[in-house]
């Protein structure tokens, strides 16, 4: 994207936003935009809802946290204006519903967290094959040879592992199982990835709803392990859970930091196609965190009401326009702003909503 093109797009979005400042629509009709889906995106949408209401008093944003698959399904069914999802639509859904688009709004990540008494202040090293073994039941104890080999010199307890997963159709599950698929051929061949999969039966395993449910279950279940959206970092800290250093595609063990998440997105983001359905998981470059993903708004380009279509465009443009204010909203939930290439593609998709 040329600098002139990007400047033009930002200027267009900024003018549109300024036109909707308080007082600009004193006699406009109230419009309600409905959103539901990703629990990872929910904290950001709640922040956006409150901030947007101050600048756009004639628009009400209704926010729900029902899981990414529910967001996709309800957007396709026309039950909500915006389906929030950590997962892009499948090839089958995209072909069946060409009017539905997946628009990245930001970049996020998942963390692998555990509750191992005495070790929660240590960053245990884990990799895809080991996590795959835990979630298939092939690795049952915390002192199993596979875990011990990754953590030499660490005193690991001889206690059964309690794997915790999501019970609903979840974008976090989509990203986590992509990591297992891309790093572990046996998982890819037998189970694959998706917002839901046919999880193997593992003694003691637990299935819970939402990221909040995941954090609570990990906190109250000693020797458990699970995957949590990065927007729940404060909750993870409050629960005093451990956070794993994960082995990336370059063979390095890395923690989920702003630098490693940014590097993970940058390593693959340039490949983003016009429809923006792209995995950012398990990038091969050095310094990259392996559980990185786009956060999507799943929207129909064919809205029944032109006024609602216009407000959807305005809101989505507002949510991604580069500004210090928007950066602060993202950083509060440990998200990363879209890079220029993806930002332009998202802007192009948003402009197609009519």
Protein backbone atom coordinates (compact mmCIF):
# COMPACT_ATOMS: atom_id res chain seq x y z
CA UNK A 1 0.00 0.00 0.00
CA UNK A 2 1.34 3.41 -0.91
CA UNK A 3 1.67 6.11 1.73
CA UNK A 4 -0.74 8.27 -0.24
CA UNK A 5 -3.36 5.50 -0.35
CA UNK A 6 -3.10 4.86 3.38
CA UNK A 7 -3.26 8.60 4.14
CA UNK A 8 -6.38 8.89 1.99
CA UNK A 9 -8.09 5.96 3.74
CA UNK A 10 -7.26 7.31 7.20
CA UNK A 11 -8.49 10.76 6.23
CA UNK A 12 -11.74 9.26 4.93
CA UNK A 13 -12.30 7.33 8.13
CA UNK A 14 -11.41 10.31 10.30
CA UNK A 15 -13.85 12.58 8.48
CA UNK A 16 -16.59 9.98 8.85
CA UNK A 17 -15.88 9.69 12.56
CA UNK A 18 -15.80 13.45 13.08
CA UNK A 19 -19.19 13.71 11.41
CA UNK A 20 -20.61 11.49 14.12
CA UNK A 21 -19.24 13.41 17.09
CA UNK A 22 -21.69 14.53 19.79
CA UNK A 23 -24.07 17.15 18.43
CA UNK A 24 -23.54 16.23 14.79
CA UNK A 25 -26.72 14.13 14.64
CA UNK A 26 -29.02 15.94 17.03
CA UNK A 27 -32.09 14.75 15.17
CA UNK A 28 -30.87 11.39 13.91
CA UNK A 29 -32.86 8.25 14.54
CA UNK A 30 -31.50 5.88 17.18
CA UNK A 31 -29.78 2.83 15.64
CA UNK A 32 -28.91 -0.37 17.52
CA UNK A 33 -26.03 -2.54 16.32
CA UNK A 34 -25.96 -6.06 17.70
CA UNK A 35 -22.78 -8.08 18.32
CA UNK A 36 -22.13 -11.48 19.83
CA UNK A 37 -19.44 -14.16 19.77
CA UNK A 38 -15.86 -14.40 20.96
CA UNK A 39 -15.24 -14.22 24.70
CA UNK A 40 -11.66 -13.21 23.89
CA UNK A 41 -12.96 -10.16 22.02
CA UNK A 42 -15.67 -9.40 24.59
CA UNK A 43 -13.54 -7.19 26.90
CA UNK A 44 -12.49 -5.07 23.91
CA UNK A 45 -16.04 -4.80 22.54
CA UNK A 46 -17.25 -3.73 25.98
CA UNK A 47 -14.65 -0.96 26.01
CA UNK A 48 -15.54 0.03 22.46
CA UNK A 49 -19.25 0.05 23.32
CA UNK A 50 -18.79 2.58 26.12
CA UNK A 51 -16.36 4.77 24.18
CA UNK A 52 -18.44 4.69 21.01
CA UNK A 53 -21.59 5.70 22.89
CA UNK A 54 -19.90 8.89 24.05
CA UNK A 55 -18.92 9.93 20.52
CA UNK A 56 -22.00 8.51 18.78
CA UNK A 57 -25.03 9.08 21.01
CA UNK A 58 -27.44 7.98 18.27
CA UNK A 59 -25.92 4.51 18.01
CA UNK A 60 -26.27 1.79 20.62
CA UNK A 61 -23.95 -1.22 20.50
CA UNK A 62 -25.31 -4.40 22.08
CA UNK A 63 -22.49 -6.76 23.13
CA UNK A 64 -22.69 -10.49 23.87
CA UNK A 65 -20.13 -13.19 24.72
CA UNK A 66 -21.38 -16.52 23.38
CA UNK A 67 -18.30 -18.07 21.74
CA UNK A 68 -16.83 -17.56 18.28
CA UNK A 69 -18.84 -20.25 16.53
CA UNK A 70 -22.07 -18.72 17.82
CA UNK A 71 -20.89 -15.36 16.50
CA UNK A 72 -20.25 -16.81 13.05
CA UNK A 73 -23.53 -18.75 13.00
CA UNK A 74 -25.63 -15.79 14.12
CA UNK A 75 -24.01 -13.43 11.62
CA UNK A 76 -24.71 -15.91 8.82
CA UNK A 77 -28.31 -16.32 10.02
CA UNK A 78 -28.81 -12.55 10.13
CA UNK A 79 -29.58 -12.61 13.85
CA UNK A 80 -26.80 -10.12 14.69
CA UNK A 81 -25.08 -7.34 12.75
CA UNK A 82 -21.58 -8.37 13.85
CA UNK A 83 -20.34 -11.83 14.78
CA UNK A 84 -17.14 -11.59 16.81
CA UNK A 85 -14.72 -14.45 16.23
CA UNK A 86 -11.12 -15.49 16.84
CA UNK A 87 -11.59 -17.86 13.89
CA UNK A 88 -12.14 -17.03 10.26
CA UNK A 89 -14.99 -18.71 8.39
CA UNK A 90 -14.30 -22.16 7.01
CA UNK A 91 -13.87 -22.69 3.27
CA UNK A 92 -17.24 -24.46 3.19
CA UNK A 93 -19.06 -21.58 4.91
CA UNK A 94 -17.29 -18.99 2.78
CA UNK A 95 -18.36 -20.76 -0.40
CA UNK A 96 -21.91 -21.32 0.81
CA UNK A 97 -22.33 -17.74 2.08
CA UNK A 98 -20.29 -15.46 -0.22
CA UNK A 99 -22.04 -12.38 1.20
CA UNK A 100 -20.46 -13.00 4.63
CA UNK A 101 -16.99 -11.53 5.16
CA UNK A 102 -14.36 -12.06 7.87
CA UNK A 103 -12.80 -8.69 8.73
CA UNK A 104 -9.74 -8.54 11.04
CA UNK A 105 -10.05 -5.78 13.63
CA UNK A 106 -6.91 -6.51 15.67
CA UNK A 107 -4.29 -9.13 16.48
CA UNK A 108 -4.49 -11.26 19.62
CA UNK A 109 -3.01 -14.44 21.08
CA UNK A 110 -3.72 -17.35 23.41
CA UNK A 111 -1.64 -18.35 26.40
CA UNK A 112 -1.08 -21.83 27.86
CA UNK A 113 -1.73 -21.65 31.59
CA UNK A 114 -1.47 -24.19 34.40
CA UNK A 115 -1.99 -24.63 38.10
CA UNK A 116 0.86 -26.76 39.36
CA UNK A 117 1.41 -26.13 43.09
CA UNK A 118 4.88 -24.77 43.69
CA UNK A 119 5.56 -24.11 39.99
CA UNK A 120 3.09 -21.38 39.05
CA UNK A 121 5.81 -18.75 39.38
CA UNK A 122 7.97 -20.70 36.89
CA UNK A 123 7.54 -20.60 33.13
CA UNK A 124 7.43 -24.29 32.30
CA UNK A 125 8.52 -25.11 28.76
CA UNK A 126 5.97 -26.91 26.60
CA UNK A 127 5.67 -27.71 22.92
CA UNK A 128 2.95 -28.78 20.52
CA UNK A 129 3.62 -32.55 20.62
CA UNK A 130 3.63 -32.55 24.42
CA UNK A 131 0.36 -30.62 24.63
CA UNK A 132 -1.10 -32.94 22.01
CA UNK A 133 -0.05 -35.89 24.19
CA UNK A 134 -1.72 -34.31 27.22
CA UNK A 135 -4.99 -33.71 25.38
CA UNK A 136 -5.08 -37.21 23.90
CA UNK A 137 -4.22 -38.85 27.23
CA UNK A 138 -0.90 -40.25 25.98
CA UNK A 139 0.89 -38.07 28.57
CA UNK A 140 -0.81 -38.38 31.95
CA UNK A 141 1.55 -37.06 34.65
CA UNK A 142 3.41 -33.80 35.14
CA UNK A 143 6.68 -35.67 35.61
CA UNK A 144 6.26 -37.61 32.37
CA UNK A 145 9.52 -38.04 30.42
CA UNK A 146 8.32 -35.75 27.62
CA UNK A 147 7.73 -32.83 30.02
CA UNK A 148 10.87 -33.56 32.02
CA UNK A 149 12.98 -33.50 28.84
CA UNK A 150 11.74 -29.98 28.07
CA UNK A 151 12.42 -28.82 31.65
CA UNK A 152 15.76 -30.33 32.75
CA UNK A 153 16.54 -29.88 36.42
CA UNK A 154 12.95 -28.94 37.27
CA UNK A 155 11.35 -30.89 40.12
CA UNK A 156 8.06 -31.93 38.53
CA UNK A 157 5.31 -33.53 40.66
CA UNK A 158 4.19 -37.10 40.08
CA UNK A 159 0.55 -36.15 39.74
CA UNK A 160 -2.07 -36.64 37.05
CA UNK A 161 -2.56 -33.75 34.64
CA UNK A 162 -6.07 -32.32 34.35
CA UNK A 163 -6.52 -31.02 30.78
CA UNK A 164 -9.17 -28.30 30.51
CA UNK A 165 -10.82 -27.35 27.22
CA UNK A 166 -13.69 -25.24 26.00
CA UNK A 167 -17.17 -26.78 25.86
CA UNK A 168 -18.70 -24.46 23.24
CA UNK A 169 -17.67 -23.65 19.70
CA UNK A 170 -14.65 -21.51 20.46
CA UNK A 171 -12.16 -19.48 18.46
CA UNK A 172 -9.63 -20.14 21.20
CA UNK A 173 -10.08 -23.84 20.50
CA UNK A 174 -9.69 -23.09 16.79
CA UNK A 175 -6.31 -21.41 17.37
CA UNK A 176 -5.10 -23.93 19.97
CA UNK A 177 -5.94 -26.93 17.79
CA UNK A 178 -4.29 -25.25 14.80
CA UNK A 179 -1.10 -25.09 16.88
CA UNK A 180 -1.42 -28.79 17.72
CA UNK A 181 -2.13 -29.65 14.07
CA UNK A 182 0.70 -27.59 12.61
CA UNK A 183 3.27 -28.84 15.15
CA UNK A 184 2.15 -32.46 15.53
CA UNK A 185 1.45 -34.59 12.43
CA UNK A 186 -0.34 -37.28 14.43
CA UNK A 187 -2.82 -34.72 15.76
CA UNK A 188 -3.38 -33.25 12.30
CA UNK A 189 -3.99 -36.70 10.82
CA UNK A 190 -6.45 -37.82 13.50
CA UNK A 191 -8.17 -34.77 15.00
CA UNK A 192 -7.39 -31.63 13.02
CA UNK A 193 -8.56 -28.19 14.06
CA UNK A 194 -11.77 -26.23 14.39
CA UNK A 195 -13.96 -24.26 16.78
CA UNK A 196 -15.12 -27.70 17.91
CA UNK A 197 -13.39 -31.06 17.44
CA UNK A 198 -13.97 -34.65 18.53
CA UNK A 199 -11.89 -34.39 21.70
CA UNK A 200 -10.41 -37.68 22.92
CA UNK A 201 -11.75 -39.00 26.20
CA UNK A 202 -9.13 -38.36 28.87
CA UNK A 203 -9.73 -39.36 32.52
CA UNK A 204 -10.31 -36.26 34.66
CA UNK A 205 -10.48 -33.83 31.72
CA UNK A 206 -12.87 -30.91 32.08
CA UNK A 207 -14.88 -28.90 29.54
CA UNK A 208 -15.91 -25.35 30.45
CA UNK A 209 -17.55 -22.40 28.73
CA UNK A 210 -15.78 -19.13 27.97
CA UNK A 211 -12.40 -17.71 28.87
CA UNK A 212 -13.70 -16.65 32.29
CA UNK A 213 -14.79 -20.22 32.91
CA UNK A 214 -11.38 -21.47 31.83
CA UNK A 215 -9.55 -19.18 34.27
CA UNK A 216 -11.87 -20.06 37.15
CA UNK A 217 -11.54 -23.79 36.53
CA UNK A 218 -7.75 -23.62 36.30
CA UNK A 219 -7.63 -21.60 39.53
CA UNK A 220 -9.76 -24.10 41.46
CA UNK A 221 -8.26 -27.26 39.96
CA UNK A 222 -4.72 -28.13 41.06
CA UNK A 223 -2.51 -29.77 38.40
CA UNK A 224 -4.68 -28.49 35.56
CA UNK A 225 -3.62 -26.99 32.22
CA UNK A 226 -5.60 -25.05 29.62
CA UNK A 227 -5.58 -22.32 26.98
CA UNK A 228 -6.79 -18.77 27.62
CA UNK A 229 -7.24 -15.66 25.49
CA UNK A 230 -4.64 -12.96 26.10
CA UNK A 231 -7.33 -10.40 26.95
CA UNK A 232 -7.67 -12.27 30.27
CA UNK A 233 -4.07 -11.59 31.29
CA UNK A 234 -5.13 -9.68 34.40
CA UNK A 235 -7.46 -12.51 35.42
CA UNK A 236 -4.66 -15.02 34.90
CA UNK A 237 -2.39 -12.97 37.16
CA UNK A 238 -5.11 -12.58 39.79
CA UNK A 239 -5.63 -16.34 39.77
CA UNK A 240 -1.87 -16.80 40.21
CA UNK A 241 -1.63 -19.25 37.33
CA UNK A 242 1.56 -20.22 35.57
CA UNK A 243 2.17 -19.26 31.94
CA UNK A 244 4.12 -21.61 29.68
CA UNK A 245 6.97 -20.72 27.37
CA UNK A 246 6.00 -22.38 24.08
CA UNK A 247 8.26 -23.83 21.42
CA UNK A 248 7.81 -21.90 18.19
CA UNK A 249 8.41 -22.87 14.57
CA UNK A 250 12.06 -21.85 14.87
CA UNK A 251 12.63 -24.19 17.82
CA UNK A 252 12.75 -21.42 20.44
CA UNK A 253 10.81 -21.30 23.70
CA UNK A 254 9.07 -17.94 23.91
CA UNK A 255 6.61 -16.17 26.18
CA UNK A 256 3.57 -14.20 24.98
CA UNK A 257 4.83 -10.62 24.98
CA UNK A 258 3.94 -7.65 22.81
CA UNK A 259 7.21 -8.14 20.91
CA UNK A 260 6.77 -11.87 20.26
CA UNK A 261 3.09 -11.54 19.34
CA UNK A 262 3.91 -8.68 16.96
CA UNK A 263 6.72 -10.74 15.44
CA UNK A 264 4.42 -13.72 14.99
CA UNK A 265 1.88 -11.62 13.12
CA UNK A 266 4.53 -9.85 11.05
CA UNK A 267 6.09 -13.14 9.99
CA UNK A 268 2.92 -14.32 8.24
CA UNK A 269 0.74 -11.22 7.93
CA UNK A 270 2.15 -10.13 4.56
CA UNK A 271 0.55 -13.26 3.09
CA UNK A 272 -2.94 -12.09 4.07
CA UNK A 273 -5.24 -12.47 1.03
CA UNK A 274 -8.03 -10.04 0.10
CA UNK A 275 -10.63 -12.07 2.03
CA UNK A 276 -8.24 -12.03 5.04
CA UNK A 277 -8.88 -15.64 6.06
CA UNK A 278 -5.35 -16.55 7.18
CA UNK A 279 -3.83 -18.41 10.10
CA UNK A 280 -1.03 -16.66 12.00
CA UNK A 281 -0.29 -19.75 14.09
CA UNK A 282 3.16 -21.39 14.45
CA UNK A 283 5.15 -18.93 12.36
CA UNK A 284 8.59 -20.28 11.36
CA UNK A 285 10.60 -17.13 12.11
CA UNK A 286 12.81 -16.51 15.12
CA UNK A 287 11.36 -14.52 18.02
CA UNK A 288 7.74 -15.35 17.20
CA UNK A 289 5.07 -16.47 19.63
CA UNK A 290 3.21 -19.45 18.08
CA UNK A 291 -0.39 -18.85 19.24
CA UNK A 292 -1.26 -15.65 17.38
CA UNK A 293 -4.47 -14.85 15.51
CA UNK A 294 -6.54 -12.17 13.82
CA UNK A 295 -9.66 -11.09 15.70
CA UNK A 296 -12.54 -10.98 13.24
CA UNK A 297 -15.83 -9.19 12.72
CA UNK A 298 -18.01 -11.58 10.71
CA UNK A 299 -20.48 -9.42 8.80
CA UNK A 300 -22.91 -9.66 5.90
CA UNK A 301 -22.20 -7.29 3.02
CA UNK A 302 -25.93 -7.34 2.23
CA UNK A 303 -27.69 -5.46 5.00
CA UNK A 304 -31.50 -5.11 4.80
CA UNK A 305 -31.37 -1.51 6.02
CA UNK A 306 -29.08 1.09 4.37
CA UNK A 307 -28.98 3.17 7.54
CA UNK A 308 -27.81 0.18 9.58
CA UNK A 309 -25.25 -0.71 6.89
CA UNK A 310 -23.85 2.82 7.10
CA UNK A 311 -23.57 2.62 10.89
CA UNK A 312 -21.84 -0.77 10.71
CA UNK A 313 -19.28 0.70 8.31
CA UNK A 314 -18.73 3.72 10.56
CA UNK A 315 -18.30 1.61 13.67
CA UNK A 316 -15.87 -0.85 12.06
CA UNK A 317 -13.86 2.00 10.51
CA UNK A 318 -13.76 3.68 13.92
CA UNK A 319 -12.56 0.47 15.57
CA UNK A 320 -9.50 0.11 13.34
CA UNK A 321 -8.57 3.70 12.44
CA UNK A 322 -4.98 4.36 13.65
CA UNK A 323 -5.04 6.67 16.67
CA UNK A 324 -3.55 6.94 20.12
CA UNK A 325 -6.99 6.38 21.62
CA UNK A 326 -7.60 3.15 19.71
CA UNK A 327 -4.10 1.91 20.50
CA UNK A 328 -4.83 2.45 24.20
CA UNK A 329 -8.03 0.39 23.92
CA UNK A 330 -6.07 -2.47 22.32
CA UNK A 331 -3.17 -2.36 24.74
CA UNK A 332 -5.54 -2.52 27.71
CA UNK A 333 -6.47 -6.06 26.61
CA UNK A 334 -3.00 -6.94 25.26
CA UNK A 335 -4.05 -6.78 21.60
CA UNK A 336 -1.93 -5.47 18.72
CA UNK A 337 -3.12 -3.02 16.06
CA UNK A 338 -3.38 -4.20 12.47
CA UNK A 339 -0.28 -3.61 10.31
CA UNK A 340 -0.75 -1.34 7.25
CA UNK A 341 -1.25 -4.18 4.72
CA UNK A 342 -3.99 -5.85 6.75
CA UNK A 343 -5.53 -2.51 7.75
CA UNK A 344 -6.00 -1.61 4.09
CA UNK A 345 -7.58 -4.98 3.32
CA UNK A 346 -9.95 -4.64 6.27
CA UNK A 347 -10.90 -1.13 5.15
CA UNK A 348 -11.64 -2.42 1.64
CA UNK A 349 -13.86 -5.16 3.05
CA UNK A 350 -15.70 -2.76 5.35
CA UNK A 351 -16.46 -0.49 2.38
CA UNK A 352 -18.25 -3.42 0.70
CA UNK A 353 -20.97 -3.52 3.38
CA UNK A 354 -24.21 -2.11 1.89
